[in-house]
Amino acid sequence: MRDENVVFIGKKGTMAYVLAVVTQMNQNATEVTIKARGKAISKAVDVAEIVRNKFIKEAKIGSIDISTDEVIAEGGNRLNVSAIEIKIVK
C-alpha cells in the first residue's frame, strides 16, 4: 500500500476525514487505511462508518487492527496510547 492511501485522524472535523477517504476511493484506490491514536479512535470509527453507509455503499471493512503505542510525554514519562487501523476496501 502506498503512503497516500492512509488517512491519519487528528483534530479536524469528522467530515474533513470522510472527504479525504472518499476522494481517495474516487481516484481508483481500492484500499484506504484510517489510522488514529488515543481520543481520536472514536472519530476514526465514525469516519469509517460514514464512508461505508452514506457515500460508498460498496465499500467494506477489510480489517481492523488495534495496538498500543508507547510515547514519551513532555516530562519524559512514557505513556501507553491505544491505536487503531481500519482498512476500507472497495
N, C-alpha and C. Protein backbone atom coordinates (compact mmCIF):
# COMPACT_ATOMS: atom_id res chain seq x y z
N MET A 1 0.83 -1.17 0.00
CA MET A 1 0.00 0.00 0.00
C MET A 1 0.88 1.24 0.00
N ARG A 2 0.45 2.23 -0.75
CA ARG A 2 1.21 3.48 -0.82
C ARG A 2 0.83 4.38 0.34
N ASP A 3 1.74 5.30 0.69
CA ASP A 3 1.50 6.20 1.81
C ASP A 3 0.31 7.11 1.60
N GLU A 4 0.01 7.46 0.33
CA GLU A 4 -1.12 8.35 0.12
C GLU A 4 -2.47 7.67 0.31
N ASN A 5 -2.47 6.39 0.53
CA ASN A 5 -3.71 5.66 0.81
C ASN A 5 -3.94 5.51 2.31
N VAL A 6 -3.34 6.38 3.10
CA VAL A 6 -3.50 6.37 4.55
C VAL A 6 -4.05 7.72 4.98
N VAL A 7 -5.08 7.70 5.82
CA VAL A 7 -5.65 8.93 6.38
C VAL A 7 -5.40 8.89 7.88
N PHE A 8 -4.66 9.87 8.39
CA PHE A 8 -4.39 9.97 9.82
C PHE A 8 -5.43 10.88 10.46
N ILE A 9 -6.12 10.38 11.45
CA ILE A 9 -7.18 11.13 12.12
C ILE A 9 -6.58 11.99 13.21
N GLY A 10 -6.98 13.26 13.25
CA GLY A 10 -6.47 14.19 14.24
C GLY A 10 -7.57 15.08 14.79
N LYS A 11 -7.32 16.39 14.79
CA LYS A 11 -8.22 17.33 15.45
C LYS A 11 -9.24 17.99 14.53
N LYS A 12 -9.15 17.77 13.23
CA LYS A 12 -10.11 18.37 12.30
C LYS A 12 -11.49 17.74 12.51
N GLY A 13 -12.47 18.31 11.85
CA GLY A 13 -13.83 17.76 11.92
C GLY A 13 -13.92 16.42 11.21
N THR A 14 -14.90 15.64 11.59
CA THR A 14 -15.08 14.30 11.04
C THR A 14 -15.24 14.33 9.52
N MET A 15 -16.02 15.27 9.01
CA MET A 15 -16.29 15.30 7.58
C MET A 15 -15.05 15.62 6.73
N ALA A 16 -14.07 16.27 7.31
CA ALA A 16 -12.82 16.52 6.58
C ALA A 16 -12.13 15.20 6.26
N TYR A 17 -12.15 14.28 7.20
CA TYR A 17 -11.52 12.97 7.01
C TYR A 17 -12.38 12.08 6.11
N VAL A 18 -13.70 12.21 6.21
CA VAL A 18 -14.59 11.47 5.31
C VAL A 18 -14.30 11.89 3.88
N LEU A 19 -14.18 13.20 3.65
CA LEU A 19 -13.88 13.71 2.32
C LEU A 19 -12.54 13.17 1.80
N ALA A 20 -11.54 13.09 2.67
CA ALA A 20 -10.23 12.56 2.27
C ALA A 20 -10.34 11.10 1.83
N VAL A 21 -11.09 10.29 2.57
CA VAL A 21 -11.24 8.87 2.23
C VAL A 21 -12.03 8.73 0.93
N VAL A 22 -13.14 9.46 0.81
CA VAL A 22 -13.98 9.37 -0.39
C VAL A 22 -13.19 9.83 -1.62
N THR A 23 -12.41 10.88 -1.48
CA THR A 23 -11.59 11.36 -2.60
C THR A 23 -10.61 10.30 -3.06
N GLN A 24 -9.96 9.64 -2.13
CA GLN A 24 -9.01 8.58 -2.50
C GLN A 24 -9.72 7.42 -3.17
N MET A 25 -10.88 7.06 -2.65
CA MET A 25 -11.63 5.95 -3.26
C MET A 25 -12.09 6.32 -4.68
N ASN A 26 -12.49 7.58 -4.88
CA ASN A 26 -12.93 8.01 -6.20
C ASN A 26 -11.78 8.14 -7.19
N GLN A 27 -10.55 8.19 -6.70
CA GLN A 27 -9.37 8.23 -7.57
C GLN A 27 -8.80 6.83 -7.76
N ASN A 28 -9.68 5.85 -7.73
CA ASN A 28 -9.37 4.45 -8.03
C ASN A 28 -8.49 3.76 -7.01
N ALA A 29 -8.43 4.25 -5.78
CA ALA A 29 -7.76 3.50 -4.72
C ALA A 29 -8.69 2.37 -4.31
N THR A 30 -8.19 1.15 -4.30
CA THR A 30 -9.03 0.01 -3.92
C THR A 30 -9.05 -0.21 -2.42
N GLU A 31 -8.08 0.38 -1.72
CA GLU A 31 -7.99 0.21 -0.27
C GLU A 31 -7.45 1.49 0.36
N VAL A 32 -8.12 1.95 1.42
CA VAL A 32 -7.67 3.12 2.17
C VAL A 32 -7.60 2.72 3.64
N THR A 33 -6.52 3.11 4.32
CA THR A 33 -6.36 2.81 5.73
C THR A 33 -6.57 4.07 6.54
N ILE A 34 -7.41 3.95 7.57
CA ILE A 34 -7.67 5.05 8.50
C ILE A 34 -6.90 4.71 9.77
N LYS A 35 -6.04 5.65 10.21
CA LYS A 35 -5.24 5.41 11.41
C LYS A 35 -5.54 6.49 12.45
N ALA A 36 -5.61 6.07 13.72
CA ALA A 36 -5.84 7.03 14.81
C ALA A 36 -5.24 6.49 16.09
N ARG A 37 -4.97 7.44 17.01
CA ARG A 37 -4.46 7.07 18.34
C ARG A 37 -5.25 7.82 19.40
N GLY A 38 -5.35 7.21 20.55
CA GLY A 38 -5.93 7.87 21.71
C GLY A 38 -7.38 8.28 21.53
N LYS A 39 -7.67 9.54 21.86
CA LYS A 39 -9.05 10.05 21.81
C LYS A 39 -9.61 10.10 20.40
N ALA A 40 -8.77 10.07 19.39
CA ALA A 40 -9.23 10.15 18.00
C ALA A 40 -9.76 8.81 17.48
N ILE A 41 -9.67 7.75 18.26
CA ILE A 41 -10.13 6.43 17.82
C ILE A 41 -11.62 6.45 17.52
N SER A 42 -12.41 7.08 18.36
CA SER A 42 -13.85 7.11 18.11
C SER A 42 -14.17 7.88 16.83
N LYS A 43 -13.40 8.91 16.53
CA LYS A 43 -13.60 9.66 15.29
C LYS A 43 -13.24 8.80 14.08
N ALA A 44 -12.22 7.96 14.21
CA ALA A 44 -11.84 7.07 13.11
C ALA A 44 -12.95 6.08 12.81
N VAL A 45 -13.59 5.55 13.85
CA VAL A 45 -14.71 4.63 13.66
C VAL A 45 -15.87 5.37 12.99
N ASP A 46 -16.14 6.59 13.42
CA ASP A 46 -17.19 7.39 12.80
C ASP A 46 -16.91 7.62 11.32
N VAL A 47 -15.68 7.96 10.98
CA VAL A 47 -15.30 8.19 9.58
C VAL A 47 -15.54 6.93 8.75
N ALA A 48 -15.10 5.80 9.24
CA ALA A 48 -15.28 4.54 8.50
C ALA A 48 -16.76 4.24 8.28
N GLU A 49 -17.57 4.43 9.29
CA GLU A 49 -19.00 4.13 9.18
C GLU A 49 -19.72 5.11 8.26
N ILE A 50 -19.36 6.38 8.32
CA ILE A 50 -19.98 7.37 7.43
C ILE A 50 -19.63 7.08 5.98
N VAL A 51 -18.37 6.77 5.72
CA VAL A 51 -17.95 6.44 4.35
C VAL A 51 -18.72 5.23 3.86
N ARG A 52 -18.79 4.22 4.68
CA ARG A 52 -19.41 2.95 4.28
C ARG A 52 -20.93 3.06 4.11
N ASN A 53 -21.59 3.79 4.99
CA ASN A 53 -23.06 3.83 4.98
C ASN A 53 -23.65 4.96 4.15
N LYS A 54 -22.94 6.06 3.97
CA LYS A 54 -23.52 7.23 3.30
C LYS A 54 -22.94 7.51 1.92
N PHE A 55 -21.66 7.25 1.71
CA PHE A 55 -21.02 7.71 0.49
C PHE A 55 -20.66 6.59 -0.48
N ILE A 56 -20.01 5.55 -0.01
CA ILE A 56 -19.58 4.47 -0.91
C ILE A 56 -20.20 3.17 -0.40
N LYS A 57 -21.37 2.87 -0.94
CA LYS A 57 -22.14 1.72 -0.45
C LYS A 57 -21.43 0.38 -0.66
N GLU A 58 -20.60 0.29 -1.72
CA GLU A 58 -19.92 -0.98 -1.99
C GLU A 58 -18.66 -1.16 -1.16
N ALA A 59 -18.30 -0.17 -0.35
CA ALA A 59 -17.10 -0.28 0.49
C ALA A 59 -17.36 -1.23 1.66
N LYS A 60 -16.35 -1.99 1.99
CA LYS A 60 -16.42 -2.95 3.10
C LYS A 60 -15.25 -2.69 4.04
N ILE A 61 -15.41 -3.11 5.29
CA ILE A 61 -14.31 -3.05 6.24
C ILE A 61 -13.42 -4.25 5.97
N GLY A 62 -12.17 -3.99 5.56
CA GLY A 62 -11.24 -5.07 5.25
C GLY A 62 -10.70 -5.73 6.50
N SER A 63 -10.16 -4.93 7.38
CA SER A 63 -9.63 -5.45 8.64
C SER A 63 -9.53 -4.31 9.64
N ILE A 64 -9.49 -4.67 10.90
CA ILE A 64 -9.31 -3.70 11.98
C ILE A 64 -8.18 -4.22 12.86
N ASP A 65 -7.14 -3.41 13.00
CA ASP A 65 -6.00 -3.78 13.84
C ASP A 65 -5.91 -2.80 15.00
N ILE A 66 -5.77 -3.32 16.19
CA ILE A 66 -5.60 -2.47 17.36
C ILE A 66 -4.23 -2.75 17.98
N SER A 67 -3.66 -1.72 18.59
CA SER A 67 -2.35 -1.89 19.19
C SER A 67 -2.16 -0.84 20.28
N THR A 68 -1.03 -0.92 20.95
CA THR A 68 -0.65 0.08 21.94
C THR A 68 0.69 0.65 21.55
N ASP A 69 0.75 1.97 21.43
CA ASP A 69 2.00 2.66 21.11
C ASP A 69 2.55 3.29 22.38
N GLU A 70 3.85 3.25 22.52
CA GLU A 70 4.48 3.90 23.67
C GLU A 70 5.02 5.24 23.21
N VAL A 71 4.55 6.32 23.85
CA VAL A 71 5.01 7.66 23.50
C VAL A 71 5.65 8.30 24.73
N ILE A 72 6.52 9.26 24.49
CA ILE A 72 7.18 9.96 25.59
C ILE A 72 6.51 11.31 25.77
N ALA A 73 6.00 11.56 26.96
CA ALA A 73 5.31 12.81 27.28
C ALA A 73 6.32 13.93 27.46
N GLU A 74 5.81 15.15 27.63
CA GLU A 74 6.68 16.32 27.77
C GLU A 74 7.63 16.19 28.95
N GLY A 75 7.18 15.61 30.04
CA GLY A 75 8.02 15.48 31.22
C GLY A 75 9.00 14.33 31.14
N GLY A 76 9.02 13.60 30.03
CA GLY A 76 9.92 12.47 29.87
C GLY A 76 9.31 11.15 30.29
N ASN A 77 8.08 11.19 30.78
CA ASN A 77 7.40 9.95 31.17
C ASN A 77 6.95 9.18 29.94
N ARG A 78 6.95 7.87 30.04
CA ARG A 78 6.47 7.02 28.96
C ARG A 78 4.99 6.72 29.19
N LEU A 79 4.22 6.91 28.13
CA LEU A 79 2.78 6.65 28.21
C LEU A 79 2.40 5.61 27.17
N ASN A 80 1.45 4.77 27.51
CA ASN A 80 0.89 3.82 26.57
C ASN A 80 -0.38 4.43 25.98
N VAL A 81 -0.43 4.50 24.65
CA VAL A 81 -1.56 5.08 23.95
C VAL A 81 -2.14 4.04 23.01
N SER A 82 -3.45 3.84 23.06
CA SER A 82 -4.10 2.89 22.17
C SER A 82 -4.11 3.43 20.75
N ALA A 83 -4.06 2.53 19.77
CA ALA A 83 -4.07 2.91 18.36
C ALA A 83 -4.96 1.94 17.59
N ILE A 84 -5.50 2.42 16.47
CA ILE A 84 -6.35 1.59 15.62
C ILE A 84 -6.03 1.86 14.16
N GLU A 85 -6.13 0.82 13.35
CA GLU A 85 -6.02 0.92 11.89
C GLU A 85 -7.23 0.23 11.30
N ILE A 86 -8.02 0.97 10.51
CA ILE A 86 -9.21 0.42 9.87
C ILE A 86 -8.96 0.45 8.37
N LYS A 87 -9.01 -0.71 7.72
CA LYS A 87 -8.84 -0.77 6.27
C LYS A 87 -10.22 -0.81 5.62
N ILE A 88 -10.44 0.10 4.69
CA ILE A 88 -11.68 0.12 3.93
C ILE A 88 -11.35 -0.32 2.51
N VAL A 89 -12.06 -1.33 2.03
CA VAL A 89 -11.79 -1.94 0.71
C VAL A 89 -12.99 -1.76 -0.17
N LYS A 90 -12.72 -1.40 -1.44
CA LYS A 90 -13.81 -1.25 -2.40
C LYS A 90 -13.83 -2.43 -3.33
